Amino acid sequence: MDEKLDEIDFAILELLKEDAKQGNKVIAEQVGLSVTPTYERIKTMERVGVIEGYTVRLDRSKIGKNLQVFCQVSLKEHNLELLEVFEKEVVALEEVASCYHIAGNYDYTLLIEVLDMEEYENFLRYKLACIPYIGNVQSSFVMSAIK
């Protein structure tokens, strides 16, 4: 976008965050525009990368992902090659729902989604531990999601 986002653009984004499946007509009514300009604004935000894509929220218990774990990882050494190796290997693991390179006591925070504690233990032993140069791992288990 050549110009900055305005209040209407932000209102459209909020509505899409709540429910990306709602139609342009419904969004247009809520932001006070007609359907065509609303559609054009959404398409422009998609084209320029403000909107990167659309996702779906899942009930994890219904798809066998009952346990969510925030797994913090620190590496033994820090250089670009090791960081790239770690990132390439960790994103290939199906249990890793998200991976963040962070600042602080740890280098990465991973969101792991598995069926249960046994599956998480197997993930740690047979997958994560096989990635070179991991120095420390700290696990925090999600009790409930608030937001």
C-alpha atoms as a PDB file:
ATOM      1  CA  MET A   1       0.000   0.000   0.000  1.00  0.00           C
ATOM      2  CA  ASP A   2       1.357   3.377  -0.899  1.00  0.00           C
ATOM      3  CA  GLU A   3      -0.650   5.115   1.803  1.00  0.00           C
ATOM      4  CA  LYS A   4      -0.966   4.069   5.403  1.00  0.00           C
ATOM      5  CA  LEU A   5      -3.815   2.021   6.746  1.00  0.00           C
ATOM      6  CA  ASP A   6      -6.764   4.079   7.916  1.00  0.00           C
ATOM      7  CA  GLU A   7      -9.449   3.441  10.532  1.00  0.00           C
ATOM      8  CA  ILE A   8     -11.618   1.528   8.090  1.00  0.00           C
ATOM      9  CA  ASP A   9      -8.719  -0.763   7.124  1.00  0.00           C
ATOM     10  CA  PHE A  10      -8.056  -1.511  10.791  1.00  0.00           C
ATOM     11  CA  ALA A  11     -11.776  -2.159  11.360  1.00  0.00           C
ATOM     12  CA  ILE A  12     -11.799  -4.593   8.424  1.00  0.00           C
ATOM     13  CA  LEU A  13      -8.733  -6.368   9.823  1.00  0.00           C
ATOM     14  CA  GLU A  14     -10.365  -6.719  13.249  1.00  0.00           C
ATOM     15  CA  LEU A  15     -13.486  -8.212  11.682  1.00  0.00           C
ATOM     16  CA  LEU A  16     -11.394 -10.648   9.641  1.00  0.00           C
ATOM     17  CA  LYS A  17      -9.451 -11.640  12.761  1.00  0.00           C
ATOM     18  CA  GLU A  18     -12.741 -12.490  14.488  1.00  0.00           C
ATOM     19  CA  ASP A  19     -14.075 -14.495  11.537  1.00  0.00           C
ATOM     20  CA  ALA A  20     -12.250 -14.593   8.218  1.00  0.00           C
ATOM     21  CA  LYS A  21     -15.131 -16.498   6.599  1.00  0.00           C
ATOM     22  CA  GLN A  22     -17.668 -13.702   6.914  1.00  0.00           C
ATOM     23  CA  GLY A  23     -18.621 -12.252   3.565  1.00  0.00           C
ATOM     24  CA  ASN A  24     -17.664  -8.887   2.145  1.00  0.00           C
ATOM     25  CA  LYS A  25     -21.288  -7.759   2.435  1.00  0.00           C
ATOM     26  CA  VAL A  26     -21.308  -8.370   6.201  1.00  0.00           C
ATOM     27  CA  ILE A  27     -17.957  -6.619   6.628  1.00  0.00           C
ATOM     28  CA  ALA A  28     -19.055  -3.703   4.444  1.00  0.00           C
ATOM     29  CA  GLU A  29     -22.176  -3.164   6.536  1.00  0.00           C
ATOM     30  CA  GLN A  30     -20.142  -3.114   9.738  1.00  0.00           C
ATOM     31  CA  VAL A  31     -17.530  -0.608   8.477  1.00  0.00           C
ATOM     32  CA  GLY A  32     -19.982   1.652   6.628  1.00  0.00           C
ATOM     33  CA  LEU A  33     -18.866   1.025   3.046  1.00  0.00           C
ATOM     34  CA  SER A  34     -20.450  -0.650   0.068  1.00  0.00           C
ATOM     35  CA  VAL A  35     -19.317  -4.135  -0.956  1.00  0.00           C
ATOM     36  CA  THR A  36     -17.012  -3.144  -3.838  1.00  0.00           C
ATOM     37  CA  PRO A  37     -14.716  -0.749  -1.918  1.00  0.00           C
ATOM     38  CA  THR A  38     -14.596  -3.210   0.973  1.00  0.00           C
ATOM     39  CA  TYR A  39     -13.594  -6.015  -1.397  1.00  0.00           C
ATOM     40  CA  GLU A  40     -10.952  -3.782  -3.022  1.00  0.00           C
ATOM     41  CA  ARG A  41      -9.472  -2.831   0.360  1.00  0.00           C
ATOM     42  CA  ILE A  42      -9.219  -6.482   1.386  1.00  0.00           C
ATOM     43  CA  LYS A  43      -7.637  -7.488  -1.938  1.00  0.00           C
ATOM     44  CA  THR A  44      -5.148  -4.603  -1.700  1.00  0.00           C
ATOM     45  CA  MET A  45      -4.168  -5.620   1.843  1.00  0.00           C
ATOM     46  CA  GLU A  46      -3.687  -9.202   0.605  1.00  0.00           C
ATOM     47  CA  ARG A  47      -1.643  -8.093  -2.418  1.00  0.00           C
ATOM     48  CA  VAL A  48       0.760  -5.908  -0.430  1.00  0.00           C
ATOM     49  CA  GLY A  49       1.177  -8.440   2.356  1.00  0.00           C
ATOM     50  CA  VAL A  50      -0.719  -6.807   5.208  1.00  0.00           C
ATOM     51  CA  ILE A  51      -2.907  -9.901   5.122  1.00  0.00           C
ATOM     52  CA  GLU A  52      -0.541 -12.836   4.747  1.00  0.00           C
ATOM     53  CA  GLY A  53      -3.158 -15.586   4.701  1.00  0.00           C
ATOM     54  CA  TYR A  54      -6.113 -17.091   6.483  1.00  0.00           C
ATOM     55  CA  THR A  55      -6.104 -19.789   9.141  1.00  0.00           C
ATOM     56  CA  VAL A  56      -8.550 -21.957  10.996  1.00  0.00           C
ATOM     57  CA  ARG A  57      -8.886 -22.485  14.759  1.00  0.00           C
ATOM     58  CA  LEU A  58      -9.085 -26.118  15.777  1.00  0.00           C
ATOM     59  CA  ASP A  59     -10.382 -27.913  18.813  1.00  0.00           C
ATOM     60  CA  ARG A  60      -7.089 -29.654  19.569  1.00  0.00           C
ATOM     61  CA  SER A  61      -8.682 -32.327  21.750  1.00  0.00           C
ATOM     62  CA  LYS A  62     -10.772 -33.485  18.776  1.00  0.00           C
ATOM     63  CA  ILE A  63      -7.704 -33.971  16.589  1.00  0.00           C
ATOM     64  CA  GLY A  64      -5.559 -35.795  19.133  1.00  0.00           C
ATOM     65  CA  LYS A  65      -3.487 -32.818  20.289  1.00  0.00           C
ATOM     66  CA  ASN A  66      -4.555 -32.773  23.935  1.00  0.00           C
ATOM     67  CA  LEU A  67      -1.227 -31.553  25.314  1.00  0.00           C
ATOM     68  CA  GLN A  68       0.357 -28.226  24.412  1.00  0.00           C
ATOM     69  CA  VAL A  69       3.857 -27.463  25.630  1.00  0.00           C
ATOM     70  CA  PHE A  70       5.964 -24.322  25.442  1.00  0.00           C
ATOM     71  CA  CYS A  71       9.452 -25.689  25.026  1.00  0.00           C
ATOM     72  CA  GLN A  72      12.295 -23.218  25.493  1.00  0.00           C
ATOM     73  CA  VAL A  73      15.590 -24.168  23.908  1.00  0.00           C
ATOM     74  CA  SER A  74      19.066 -22.712  24.277  1.00  0.00           C
ATOM     75  CA  LEU A  75      21.917 -23.682  21.980  1.00  0.00           C
ATOM     76  CA  LYS A  76      25.450 -24.506  23.121  1.00  0.00           C
ATOM     77  CA  GLU A  77      27.010 -22.279  20.477  1.00  0.00           C
ATOM     78  CA  HIS A  78      25.832 -19.338  18.424  1.00  0.00           C
ATOM     79  CA  ASN A  79      26.778 -18.859  14.827  1.00  0.00           C
ATOM     80  CA  LEU A  80      24.715 -18.408  11.709  1.00  0.00           C
ATOM     81  CA  GLU A  81      25.296 -21.936  10.409  1.00  0.00           C
ATOM     82  CA  LEU A  82      24.152 -23.588  13.671  1.00  0.00           C
ATOM     83  CA  LEU A  83      21.111 -21.337  13.932  1.00  0.00           C
ATOM     84  CA  GLU A  84      20.123 -22.211  10.371  1.00  0.00           C
ATOM     85  CA  VAL A  85      20.613 -25.954  10.981  1.00  0.00           C
ATOM     86  CA  PHE A  86      18.506 -25.828  14.144  1.00  0.00           C
ATOM     87  CA  GLU A  87      15.734 -23.829  12.473  1.00  0.00           C
ATOM     88  CA  LYS A  88      15.641 -26.079   9.406  1.00  0.00           C
ATOM     89  CA  GLU A  89      15.433 -29.247  11.501  1.00  0.00           C
ATOM     90  CA  VAL A  90      12.954 -27.984  14.088  1.00  0.00           C
ATOM     91  CA  VAL A  91      10.417 -26.639  11.589  1.00  0.00           C
ATOM     92  CA  ALA A  92      10.382 -30.039   9.881  1.00  0.00           C
ATOM     93  CA  LEU A  93       9.094 -31.705  13.069  1.00  0.00           C
ATOM     94  CA  GLU A  94       5.339 -32.231  12.821  1.00  0.00           C
ATOM     95  CA  GLU A  95       4.827 -31.731  16.570  1.00  0.00           C
ATOM     96  CA  VAL A  96       6.166 -28.159  16.356  1.00  0.00           C
ATOM     97  CA  ALA A  97       3.168 -25.884  15.801  1.00  0.00           C
ATOM     98  CA  SER A  98       5.198 -22.651  16.145  1.00  0.00           C
ATOM     99  CA  CYS A  99       8.832 -21.678  16.525  1.00  0.00           C
ATOM    100  CA  TYR A 100      10.071 -18.284  17.705  1.00  0.00           C
ATOM    101  CA  HIS A 101      13.660 -17.004  17.820  1.00  0.00           C
ATOM    102  CA  ILE A 102      13.680 -14.944  21.014  1.00  0.00           C
ATOM    103  CA  ALA A 103      15.933 -12.754  23.134  1.00  0.00           C
ATOM    104  CA  GLY A 104      16.551 -13.566  26.790  1.00  0.00           C
ATOM    105  CA  ASN A 105      17.693 -16.640  28.686  1.00  0.00           C
ATOM    106  CA  TYR A 106      16.720 -18.972  25.828  1.00  0.00           C
ATOM    107  CA  ASP A 107      17.256 -18.791  22.090  1.00  0.00           C
ATOM    108  CA  TYR A 108      13.979 -20.308  20.901  1.00  0.00           C
ATOM    109  CA  THR A 109      10.477 -20.959  22.141  1.00  0.00           C
ATOM    110  CA  LEU A 110       8.615 -23.811  20.480  1.00  0.00           C
ATOM    111  CA  LEU A 111       4.925 -24.563  20.781  1.00  0.00           C
ATOM    112  CA  ILE A 112       4.598 -28.334  20.749  1.00  0.00           C
ATOM    113  CA  GLU A 113       1.242 -30.056  20.238  1.00  0.00           C
ATOM    114  CA  VAL A 114       0.984 -33.766  21.045  1.00  0.00           C
ATOM    115  CA  LEU A 115      -1.525 -36.306  22.295  1.00  0.00           C
ATOM    116  CA  ASP A 116      -0.134 -36.807  25.801  1.00  0.00           C
ATOM    117  CA  MET A 117       2.907 -36.814  28.064  1.00  0.00           C
ATOM    118  CA  GLU A 118       4.223 -40.078  26.610  1.00  0.00           C
ATOM    119  CA  GLU A 119       4.183 -38.634  23.110  1.00  0.00           C
ATOM    120  CA  TYR A 120       5.940 -35.495  24.369  1.00  0.00           C
ATOM    121  CA  GLU A 121       8.627 -37.594  26.068  1.00  0.00           C
ATOM    122  CA  ASN A 122       9.184 -39.492  22.797  1.00  0.00           C
ATOM    123  CA  PHE A 123       9.355 -36.185  20.939  1.00  0.00           C
ATOM    124  CA  LEU A 124      12.057 -34.935  23.345  1.00  0.00           C
ATOM    125  CA  ARG A 125      14.095 -38.151  23.328  1.00  0.00           C
ATOM    126  CA  TYR A 126      13.925 -39.211  19.721  1.00  0.00           C
ATOM    127  CA  LYS A 127      13.438 -36.008  17.783  1.00  0.00           C
ATOM    128  CA  LEU A 128      14.448 -32.826  19.597  1.00  0.00           C
ATOM    129  CA  ALA A 129      17.488 -34.371  21.300  1.00  0.00           C
ATOM    130  CA  CYS A 130      18.797 -35.478  17.900  1.00  0.00           C
ATOM    131  CA  ILE A 131      19.226 -31.875  16.745  1.00  0.00           C
ATOM    132  CA  PRO A 132      22.871 -30.868  17.250  1.00  0.00           C
ATOM    133  CA  TYR A 133      24.112 -28.240  19.700  1.00  0.00           C
ATOM    134  CA  ILE A 134      21.072 -28.022  21.963  1.00  0.00           C
ATOM    135  CA  GLY A 135      22.354 -26.931  25.359  1.00  0.00           C
ATOM    136  CA  ASN A 136      19.245 -26.736  27.491  1.00  0.00           C
ATOM    137  CA  VAL A 137      15.507 -27.394  27.217  1.00  0.00           C
ATOM    138  CA  GLN A 138      12.815 -26.100  29.588  1.00  0.00           C
ATOM    139  CA  SER A 139       9.213 -27.282  29.236  1.00  0.00           C
ATOM    140  CA  SER A 140       6.070 -25.472  30.396  1.00  0.00           C
ATOM    141  CA  PHE A 141       2.767 -27.295  30.032  1.00  0.00           C
ATOM    142  CA  VAL A 142      -0.407 -25.442  29.063  1.00  0.00           C
ATOM    143  CA  MET A 143      -3.142 -25.933  31.643  1.00  0.00           C
ATOM    144  CA  SER A 144      -5.766 -23.873  29.799  1.00  0.00           C
ATOM    145  CA  ALA A 145      -5.868 -21.332  26.993  1.00  0.00           C
ATOM    146  CA  ILE A 146      -7.245 -17.968  28.070  1.00  0.00           C
ATOM    147  CA  LYS A 147      -7.044 -16.116  24.748  1.00  0.00           C
END
